[in-house]
Amino acid sequence: VNRSWRAVKRYLGWFNPIRQFRFLFELFSHKVLRWFSMVILIAMFVANILVVALSGHPFYAVTLAG
């Protein structure tokens, strides 16, 4: 994570979304989503549990069971 923040600081001048949209998209998709991947996975798991509990449909229960 330390090297990632140093890279963000080094390329701080490139944070112009109009001129460097592709760079910002690559930075966001590679670094930021990687940092929050565990939070996103936990949120998806909780959402799946809620769908199973509220719908009562056996398909969702089977998909939750794996």
N, C-alpha and C. Protein backbone atom coordinates (compact mmCIF):
# COMPACT_ATOMS: atom_id res chain seq x y z
N VAL A 1 0.84 -1.19 0.00
CA VAL A 1 0.00 0.00 0.00
C VAL A 1 0.88 1.25 0.00
N ASN A 2 2.02 1.18 0.68
CA ASN A 2 2.91 2.33 0.76
C ASN A 2 3.41 2.73 -0.62
N ARG A 3 3.83 1.75 -1.42
CA ARG A 3 4.31 2.08 -2.77
C ARG A 3 3.18 2.62 -3.63
N SER A 4 1.98 2.15 -3.39
CA SER A 4 0.84 2.65 -4.17
C SER A 4 0.60 4.13 -3.89
N TRP A 5 0.66 4.51 -2.62
CA TRP A 5 0.46 5.92 -2.29
C TRP A 5 1.58 6.78 -2.83
N ARG A 6 2.81 6.25 -2.82
CA ARG A 6 3.92 7.01 -3.40
C ARG A 6 3.72 7.20 -4.90
N ALA A 7 3.20 6.18 -5.57
CA ALA A 7 2.93 6.31 -7.00
C ALA A 7 1.84 7.34 -7.26
N VAL A 8 0.83 7.38 -6.42
CA VAL A 8 -0.23 8.37 -6.57
C VAL A 8 0.35 9.77 -6.39
N LYS A 9 1.21 9.94 -5.38
CA LYS A 9 1.82 11.25 -5.15
C LYS A 9 2.74 11.64 -6.30
N ARG A 10 3.44 10.67 -6.88
CA ARG A 10 4.38 10.97 -7.96
C ARG A 10 3.63 11.45 -9.20
N TYR A 11 2.47 10.87 -9.49
CA TYR A 11 1.70 11.23 -10.68
C TYR A 11 0.55 12.18 -10.36
N LEU A 12 0.69 12.96 -9.32
CA LEU A 12 -0.39 13.85 -8.90
C LEU A 12 -0.74 14.87 -9.98
N GLY A 13 0.22 15.27 -10.78
CA GLY A 13 -0.06 16.22 -11.85
C GLY A 13 -0.89 15.63 -12.98
N TRP A 14 -1.03 14.32 -13.02
CA TRP A 14 -1.79 13.66 -14.08
C TRP A 14 -3.27 13.52 -13.73
N PHE A 15 -3.70 14.06 -12.61
CA PHE A 15 -5.08 13.88 -12.17
C PHE A 15 -6.01 14.92 -12.80
N ASN A 16 -5.97 15.01 -14.09
CA ASN A 16 -6.88 15.86 -14.85
C ASN A 16 -7.82 14.93 -15.61
N PRO A 17 -9.07 14.80 -15.17
CA PRO A 17 -9.96 13.81 -15.79
C PRO A 17 -10.30 14.10 -17.25
N ILE A 18 -10.14 15.31 -17.68
CA ILE A 18 -10.44 15.63 -19.08
C ILE A 18 -9.31 15.18 -19.99
N ARG A 19 -8.08 15.41 -19.58
CA ARG A 19 -6.93 15.09 -20.42
C ARG A 19 -6.40 13.68 -20.19
N GLN A 20 -6.53 13.17 -18.99
CA GLN A 20 -5.93 11.88 -18.65
C GLN A 20 -6.98 10.89 -18.14
N PHE A 21 -8.09 10.77 -18.85
CA PHE A 21 -9.17 9.91 -18.39
C PHE A 21 -8.73 8.45 -18.31
N ARG A 22 -8.01 7.98 -19.31
CA ARG A 22 -7.59 6.57 -19.32
C ARG A 22 -6.66 6.26 -18.16
N PHE A 23 -5.73 7.16 -17.87
CA PHE A 23 -4.82 6.95 -16.75
C PHE A 23 -5.58 6.88 -15.43
N LEU A 24 -6.52 7.79 -15.23
CA LEU A 24 -7.30 7.78 -13.99
C LEU A 24 -8.16 6.53 -13.88
N PHE A 25 -8.73 6.09 -15.00
CA PHE A 25 -9.52 4.86 -14.98
C PHE A 25 -8.65 3.66 -14.62
N GLU A 26 -7.45 3.58 -15.20
CA GLU A 26 -6.55 2.47 -14.89
C GLU A 26 -6.11 2.51 -13.44
N LEU A 27 -5.81 3.70 -12.94
CA LEU A 27 -5.40 3.83 -11.54
C LEU A 27 -6.52 3.41 -10.61
N PHE A 28 -7.73 3.88 -10.90
CA PHE A 28 -8.87 3.54 -10.05
C PHE A 28 -9.17 2.05 -10.10
N SER A 29 -9.21 1.50 -11.29
CA SER A 29 -9.59 0.09 -11.41
C SER A 29 -8.52 -0.83 -10.85
N HIS A 30 -7.27 -0.45 -10.92
CA HIS A 30 -6.22 -1.35 -10.46
C HIS A 30 -5.95 -1.18 -8.97
N LYS A 31 -5.79 0.02 -8.50
CA LYS A 31 -5.37 0.23 -7.12
C LYS A 31 -6.54 0.35 -6.16
N VAL A 32 -7.45 1.26 -6.44
CA VAL A 32 -8.52 1.55 -5.49
C VAL A 32 -9.45 0.36 -5.33
N LEU A 33 -9.85 -0.25 -6.43
CA LEU A 33 -10.74 -1.41 -6.31
C LEU A 33 -10.04 -2.58 -5.64
N ARG A 34 -8.73 -2.70 -5.84
CA ARG A 34 -7.99 -3.76 -5.17
C ARG A 34 -7.95 -3.53 -3.66
N TRP A 35 -7.83 -2.27 -3.24
CA TRP A 35 -7.82 -1.97 -1.82
C TRP A 35 -9.16 -2.29 -1.16
N PHE A 36 -10.25 -2.08 -1.87
CA PHE A 36 -11.58 -2.26 -1.29
C PHE A 36 -12.25 -3.57 -1.71
N SER A 37 -11.50 -4.48 -2.27
CA SER A 37 -12.11 -5.71 -2.76
C SER A 37 -12.72 -6.54 -1.63
N MET A 38 -12.10 -6.58 -0.46
CA MET A 38 -12.65 -7.36 0.64
C MET A 38 -13.97 -6.75 1.13
N VAL A 39 -14.05 -5.44 1.19
CA VAL A 39 -15.28 -4.77 1.60
C VAL A 39 -16.39 -5.05 0.59
N ILE A 40 -16.06 -5.00 -0.69
CA ILE A 40 -17.04 -5.27 -1.74
C ILE A 40 -17.53 -6.71 -1.66
N LEU A 41 -16.62 -7.66 -1.44
CA LEU A 41 -17.01 -9.07 -1.34
C LEU A 41 -17.91 -9.33 -0.14
N ILE A 42 -17.60 -8.71 0.99
CA ILE A 42 -18.43 -8.88 2.19
C ILE A 42 -19.82 -8.28 1.95
N ALA A 43 -19.89 -7.13 1.30
CA ALA A 43 -21.19 -6.51 0.99
C ALA A 43 -22.00 -7.39 0.06
N MET A 44 -21.35 -8.01 -0.92
CA MET A 44 -22.07 -8.91 -1.83
C MET A 44 -22.57 -10.14 -1.08
N PHE A 45 -21.79 -10.67 -0.15
CA PHE A 45 -22.21 -11.83 0.63
C PHE A 45 -23.42 -11.50 1.50
N VAL A 46 -23.37 -10.34 2.15
CA VAL A 46 -24.50 -9.92 2.98
C VAL A 46 -25.74 -9.70 2.12
N ALA A 47 -25.57 -9.11 0.95
CA ALA A 47 -26.71 -8.92 0.05
C ALA A 47 -27.30 -10.25 -0.39
N ASN A 48 -26.45 -11.24 -0.64
CA ASN A 48 -26.92 -12.56 -1.03
C ASN A 48 -27.70 -13.21 0.11
N ILE A 49 -27.23 -13.06 1.33
CA ILE A 49 -27.95 -13.60 2.49
C ILE A 49 -29.32 -12.93 2.61
N LEU A 50 -29.38 -11.62 2.39
CA LEU A 50 -30.66 -10.91 2.47
C LEU A 50 -31.63 -11.37 1.38
N VAL A 51 -31.12 -11.62 0.19
CA VAL A 51 -31.98 -12.11 -0.89
C VAL A 51 -32.54 -13.48 -0.54
N VAL A 52 -31.71 -14.34 0.02
CA VAL A 52 -32.18 -15.68 0.42
C VAL A 52 -33.23 -15.56 1.51
N ALA A 53 -32.99 -14.70 2.49
CA ALA A 53 -33.92 -14.57 3.61
C ALA A 53 -35.24 -13.94 3.19
N LEU A 54 -35.20 -12.98 2.31
CA LEU A 54 -36.42 -12.26 1.95
C LEU A 54 -37.21 -12.90 0.82
N SER A 55 -36.55 -13.61 -0.08
CA SER A 55 -37.27 -14.15 -1.23
C SER A 55 -37.85 -15.54 -0.94
N GLY A 56 -37.09 -16.37 -0.26
CA GLY A 56 -37.55 -17.71 0.01
C GLY A 56 -37.49 -18.63 -1.20
N HIS A 57 -36.93 -18.19 -2.28
CA HIS A 57 -36.82 -18.99 -3.49
C HIS A 57 -35.65 -19.97 -3.34
N PRO A 58 -35.85 -21.24 -3.66
CA PRO A 58 -34.78 -22.23 -3.45
C PRO A 58 -33.54 -22.01 -4.32
N PHE A 59 -33.69 -21.36 -5.47
CA PHE A 59 -32.53 -21.11 -6.33
C PHE A 59 -31.48 -20.28 -5.60
N TYR A 60 -31.92 -19.24 -4.90
CA TYR A 60 -30.97 -18.38 -4.20
C TYR A 60 -30.33 -19.10 -3.03
N ALA A 61 -31.07 -19.98 -2.38
CA ALA A 61 -30.49 -20.76 -1.28
C ALA A 61 -29.42 -21.71 -1.79
N VAL A 62 -29.65 -22.31 -2.96
CA VAL A 62 -28.65 -23.21 -3.54
C VAL A 62 -27.41 -22.43 -3.95
N THR A 63 -27.58 -21.25 -4.52
CA THR A 63 -26.41 -20.46 -4.92
C THR A 63 -25.63 -19.98 -3.71
N LEU A 64 -26.30 -19.70 -2.61
CA LEU A 64 -25.59 -19.31 -1.40
C LEU A 64 -24.82 -20.48 -0.82
N ALA A 65 -25.38 -21.67 -0.92
CA ALA A 65 -24.71 -22.86 -0.38
C ALA A 65 -23.49 -23.24 -1.21
N GLY A 66 -23.48 -22.80 -2.43
CA GLY A 66 -22.30 -23.09 -3.28
C GLY A 66 -22.52 -24.29 -4.08
